Amino acid sequence: MIVFRLNTHSGVPPYLQIVQQVKQALQVGLLQEGDQLPTVKEVVAHIAINPNTVFKAYRELEMLGIIEGRTGSGTFVKKRPVGPSPKVQEALSNQLESWINKARKAGLDEESIEALVRIALNKKG
């Protein structure tokens, strides 16, 4: 089962962090179609968040067609977002992790690494 984590310093609203974490878990294969998400009560107990925030995240995921609530049963993954397979995602993730390790060994801090990634993402080509 997925365990949510919130970054209070990211500037990203908590409900969107939950949405992003579910999408990412699906993309890399940590969650599969049919898997059950934690109940709102479980999420609230684990990360001390307002229940309405979790409801908002789950509603957003339902509107995207990714999850579905089943009365009396819980909330389940309906489908994964469009994109590369988990196997491809894992290979790319491993390559990125290797590059990040090289960047750290070259003396770059996290902020510098993030800046380089942003620059590369913004390049047209």
C-alpha atoms as a PDB file:
ATOM      1  CA  MET A   1       0.000   0.000   0.000  1.00  0.00           C
ATOM      2  CA  ILE A   2       1.223   3.505  -0.784  1.00  0.00           C
ATOM      3  CA  VAL A   3       2.404   5.696   2.087  1.00  0.00           C
ATOM      4  CA  PHE A   4       2.029   9.424   1.434  1.00  0.00           C
ATOM      5  CA  ARG A   5       4.636  11.971   2.460  1.00  0.00           C
ATOM      6  CA  LEU A   6       4.209  15.732   2.430  1.00  0.00           C
ATOM      7  CA  ASN A   7       6.916  18.307   1.822  1.00  0.00           C
ATOM      8  CA  THR A   8       5.818  21.468   3.632  1.00  0.00           C
ATOM      9  CA  HIS A   9       8.585  23.482   1.962  1.00  0.00           C
ATOM     10  CA  SER A  10       7.836  22.553  -1.662  1.00  0.00           C
ATOM     11  CA  GLY A  11       5.225  25.226  -2.365  1.00  0.00           C
ATOM     12  CA  VAL A  12       2.993  22.527  -3.860  1.00  0.00           C
ATOM     13  CA  PRO A  13      -0.425  22.288  -2.179  1.00  0.00           C
ATOM     14  CA  PRO A  14      -0.768  19.120  -0.059  1.00  0.00           C
ATOM     15  CA  TYR A  15      -3.679  17.745  -2.093  1.00  0.00           C
ATOM     16  CA  LEU A  16      -1.606  18.034  -5.284  1.00  0.00           C
ATOM     17  CA  GLN A  17       1.307  16.266  -3.606  1.00  0.00           C
ATOM     18  CA  ILE A  18      -1.014  13.321  -2.908  1.00  0.00           C
ATOM     19  CA  VAL A  19      -2.284  13.370  -6.503  1.00  0.00           C
ATOM     20  CA  GLN A  20       1.289  13.450  -7.823  1.00  0.00           C
ATOM     21  CA  GLN A  21       2.399  10.619  -5.545  1.00  0.00           C
ATOM     22  CA  VAL A  22      -0.439   8.367  -6.718  1.00  0.00           C
ATOM     23  CA  LYS A  23       0.345   9.133 -10.373  1.00  0.00           C
ATOM     24  CA  GLN A  24       4.056   8.518  -9.845  1.00  0.00           C
ATOM     25  CA  ALA A  25       3.436   5.260  -7.973  1.00  0.00           C
ATOM     26  CA  LEU A  26       1.322   4.083 -10.912  1.00  0.00           C
ATOM     27  CA  GLN A  27       3.886   5.144 -13.484  1.00  0.00           C
ATOM     28  CA  VAL A  28       6.699   3.224 -11.837  1.00  0.00           C
ATOM     29  CA  GLY A  29       4.603   0.190 -10.984  1.00  0.00           C
ATOM     30  CA  LEU A  30       4.384   0.598  -7.200  1.00  0.00           C
ATOM     31  CA  LEU A  31       0.598   0.715  -7.588  1.00  0.00           C
ATOM     32  CA  GLN A  32      -1.328  -1.465 -10.005  1.00  0.00           C
ATOM     33  CA  GLU A  33      -4.861  -1.413 -11.353  1.00  0.00           C
ATOM     34  CA  GLY A  34      -7.148  -2.803  -8.658  1.00  0.00           C
ATOM     35  CA  ASP A  35      -4.921  -1.827  -5.723  1.00  0.00           C
ATOM     36  CA  GLN A  36      -6.641  -0.167  -2.804  1.00  0.00           C
ATOM     37  CA  LEU A  37      -5.579   3.267  -1.589  1.00  0.00           C
ATOM     38  CA  PRO A  38      -5.427   4.030   2.124  1.00  0.00           C
ATOM     39  CA  THR A  39      -8.641   5.339   3.637  1.00  0.00           C
ATOM     40  CA  VAL A  40      -8.905   9.039   4.366  1.00  0.00           C
ATOM     41  CA  LYS A  41      -8.780   8.177   8.063  1.00  0.00           C
ATOM     42  CA  GLU A  42      -5.521   6.220   7.596  1.00  0.00           C
ATOM     43  CA  VAL A  43      -3.912   9.068   5.641  1.00  0.00           C
ATOM     44  CA  VAL A  44      -4.970  11.627   8.254  1.00  0.00           C
ATOM     45  CA  ALA A  45      -3.559   9.470  11.057  1.00  0.00           C
ATOM     46  CA  HIS A  46      -0.257   8.904   9.233  1.00  0.00           C
ATOM     47  CA  ILE A  47       0.585  12.424   8.043  1.00  0.00           C
ATOM     48  CA  ALA A  48      -1.557  14.687  10.273  1.00  0.00           C
ATOM     49  CA  ILE A  49      -3.451  16.382   7.459  1.00  0.00           C
ATOM     50  CA  ASN A  50      -6.955  17.791   7.222  1.00  0.00           C
ATOM     51  CA  PRO A  51      -9.394  15.117   5.973  1.00  0.00           C
ATOM     52  CA  ASN A  52     -10.835  17.591   3.452  1.00  0.00           C
ATOM     53  CA  THR A  53      -7.415  17.823   1.817  1.00  0.00           C
ATOM     54  CA  VAL A  54      -7.324  14.053   1.297  1.00  0.00           C
ATOM     55  CA  PHE A  55     -10.917  14.091   0.008  1.00  0.00           C
ATOM     56  CA  LYS A  56      -9.925  16.833  -2.454  1.00  0.00           C
ATOM     57  CA  ALA A  57      -6.961  14.785  -3.712  1.00  0.00           C
ATOM     58  CA  TYR A  58      -9.075  11.658  -4.114  1.00  0.00           C
ATOM     59  CA  ARG A  59     -11.798  13.669  -5.905  1.00  0.00           C
ATOM     60  CA  GLU A  60      -9.181  15.050  -8.303  1.00  0.00           C
ATOM     61  CA  LEU A  61      -7.896  11.537  -9.016  1.00  0.00           C
ATOM     62  CA  GLU A  62     -11.481  10.344  -9.597  1.00  0.00           C
ATOM     63  CA  MET A  63     -12.115  13.199 -12.037  1.00  0.00           C
ATOM     64  CA  LEU A  64      -8.973  12.129 -13.914  1.00  0.00           C
ATOM     65  CA  GLY A  65     -10.389   8.597 -14.100  1.00  0.00           C
ATOM     66  CA  ILE A  66      -7.434   7.123 -12.206  1.00  0.00           C
ATOM     67  CA  ILE A  67      -9.261   5.908  -9.101  1.00  0.00           C
ATOM     68  CA  GLU A  68     -12.796   5.029  -8.119  1.00  0.00           C
ATOM     69  CA  GLY A  69     -14.543   4.962  -4.785  1.00  0.00           C
ATOM     70  CA  ARG A  70     -16.623   1.896  -4.018  1.00  0.00           C
ATOM     71  CA  THR A  71     -19.240   2.418  -1.344  1.00  0.00           C
ATOM     72  CA  GLY A  72     -18.420   0.344   1.691  1.00  0.00           C
ATOM     73  CA  SER A  73     -15.253  -1.089   0.125  1.00  0.00           C
ATOM     74  CA  GLY A  74     -12.804   1.786  -0.230  1.00  0.00           C
ATOM     75  CA  THR A  75     -10.947   3.587  -2.988  1.00  0.00           C
ATOM     76  CA  PHE A  76      -9.266   1.590  -5.737  1.00  0.00           C
ATOM     77  CA  VAL A  77      -6.956   2.245  -8.670  1.00  0.00           C
ATOM     78  CA  LYS A  78      -8.986   2.168 -11.852  1.00  0.00           C
ATOM     79  CA  LYS A  79      -6.213   2.707 -14.423  1.00  0.00           C
ATOM     80  CA  ARG A  80      -2.715   4.047 -14.761  1.00  0.00           C
ATOM     81  CA  PRO A  81      -2.005   7.365 -16.478  1.00  0.00           C
ATOM     82  CA  VAL A  82      -0.917   7.321 -20.097  1.00  0.00           C
ATOM     83  CA  GLY A  83       2.834   7.044 -20.482  1.00  0.00           C
ATOM     84  CA  PRO A  84       5.750   4.655 -20.707  1.00  0.00           C
ATOM     85  CA  SER A  85       5.538   1.265 -19.038  1.00  0.00           C
ATOM     86  CA  PRO A  86       6.846   0.810 -15.491  1.00  0.00           C
ATOM     87  CA  LYS A  87       9.826  -1.100 -16.943  1.00  0.00           C
ATOM     88  CA  VAL A  88      10.813   1.872 -19.125  1.00  0.00           C
ATOM     89  CA  GLN A  89      10.227   4.254 -16.218  1.00  0.00           C
ATOM     90  CA  GLU A  90      12.481   2.157 -13.982  1.00  0.00           C
ATOM     91  CA  ALA A  91      15.282   2.132 -16.557  1.00  0.00           C
ATOM     92  CA  LEU A  92      15.069   5.901 -16.966  1.00  0.00           C
ATOM     93  CA  SER A  93      14.964   6.363 -13.196  1.00  0.00           C
ATOM     94  CA  ASN A  94      18.113   4.260 -12.798  1.00  0.00           C
ATOM     95  CA  GLN A  95      19.908   6.318 -15.446  1.00  0.00           C
ATOM     96  CA  LEU A  96      18.836   9.549 -13.751  1.00  0.00           C
ATOM     97  CA  GLU A  97      19.967   8.270 -10.360  1.00  0.00           C
ATOM     98  CA  SER A  98      23.363   7.424 -11.848  1.00  0.00           C
ATOM     99  CA  TRP A  99      23.638  10.914 -13.356  1.00  0.00           C
ATOM    100  CA  ILE A 100      22.686  12.526 -10.019  1.00  0.00           C
ATOM    101  CA  ASN A 101      25.386  10.498  -8.248  1.00  0.00           C
ATOM    102  CA  LYS A 102      27.957  11.691 -10.818  1.00  0.00           C
ATOM    103  CA  ALA A 103      26.793  15.285 -10.333  1.00  0.00           C
ATOM    104  CA  ARG A 104      27.185  14.970  -6.541  1.00  0.00           C
ATOM    105  CA  LYS A 105      30.670  13.482  -6.940  1.00  0.00           C
ATOM    106  CA  ALA A 106      31.522  16.445  -9.187  1.00  0.00           C
ATOM    107  CA  GLY A 107      30.639  18.751  -6.276  1.00  0.00           C
ATOM    108  CA  LEU A 108      27.145  19.906  -7.217  1.00  0.00           C
ATOM    109  CA  ASP A 109      24.662  20.440  -4.408  1.00  0.00           C
ATOM    110  CA  GLU A 110      20.937  19.633  -4.659  1.00  0.00           C
ATOM    111  CA  GLU A 111      20.015  23.169  -5.713  1.00  0.00           C
ATOM    112  CA  SER A 112      22.553  23.114  -8.562  1.00  0.00           C
ATOM    113  CA  ILE A 113      21.367  19.694  -9.714  1.00  0.00           C
ATOM    114  CA  GLU A 114      17.747  20.880  -9.726  1.00  0.00           C
ATOM    115  CA  ALA A 115      18.777  23.960 -11.722  1.00  0.00           C
ATOM    116  CA  LEU A 116      20.494  21.813 -14.359  1.00  0.00           C
ATOM    117  CA  VAL A 117      17.454  19.545 -14.623  1.00  0.00           C
ATOM    118  CA  ARG A 118      15.150  22.572 -15.004  1.00  0.00           C
ATOM    119  CA  ILE A 119      17.369  24.022 -17.718  1.00  0.00           C
ATOM    120  CA  ALA A 120      17.383  20.701 -19.587  1.00  0.00           C
ATOM    121  CA  LEU A 121      13.595  20.378 -19.266  1.00  0.00           C
ATOM    122  CA  ASN A 122      13.080  23.864 -20.673  1.00  0.00           C
ATOM    123  CA  LYS A 123      15.275  23.318 -23.733  1.00  0.00           C
ATOM    124  CA  LYS A 124      13.386  22.879 -26.981  1.00  0.00           C
ATOM    125  CA  GLY A 125      14.582  20.010 -29.070  1.00  0.00           C
END
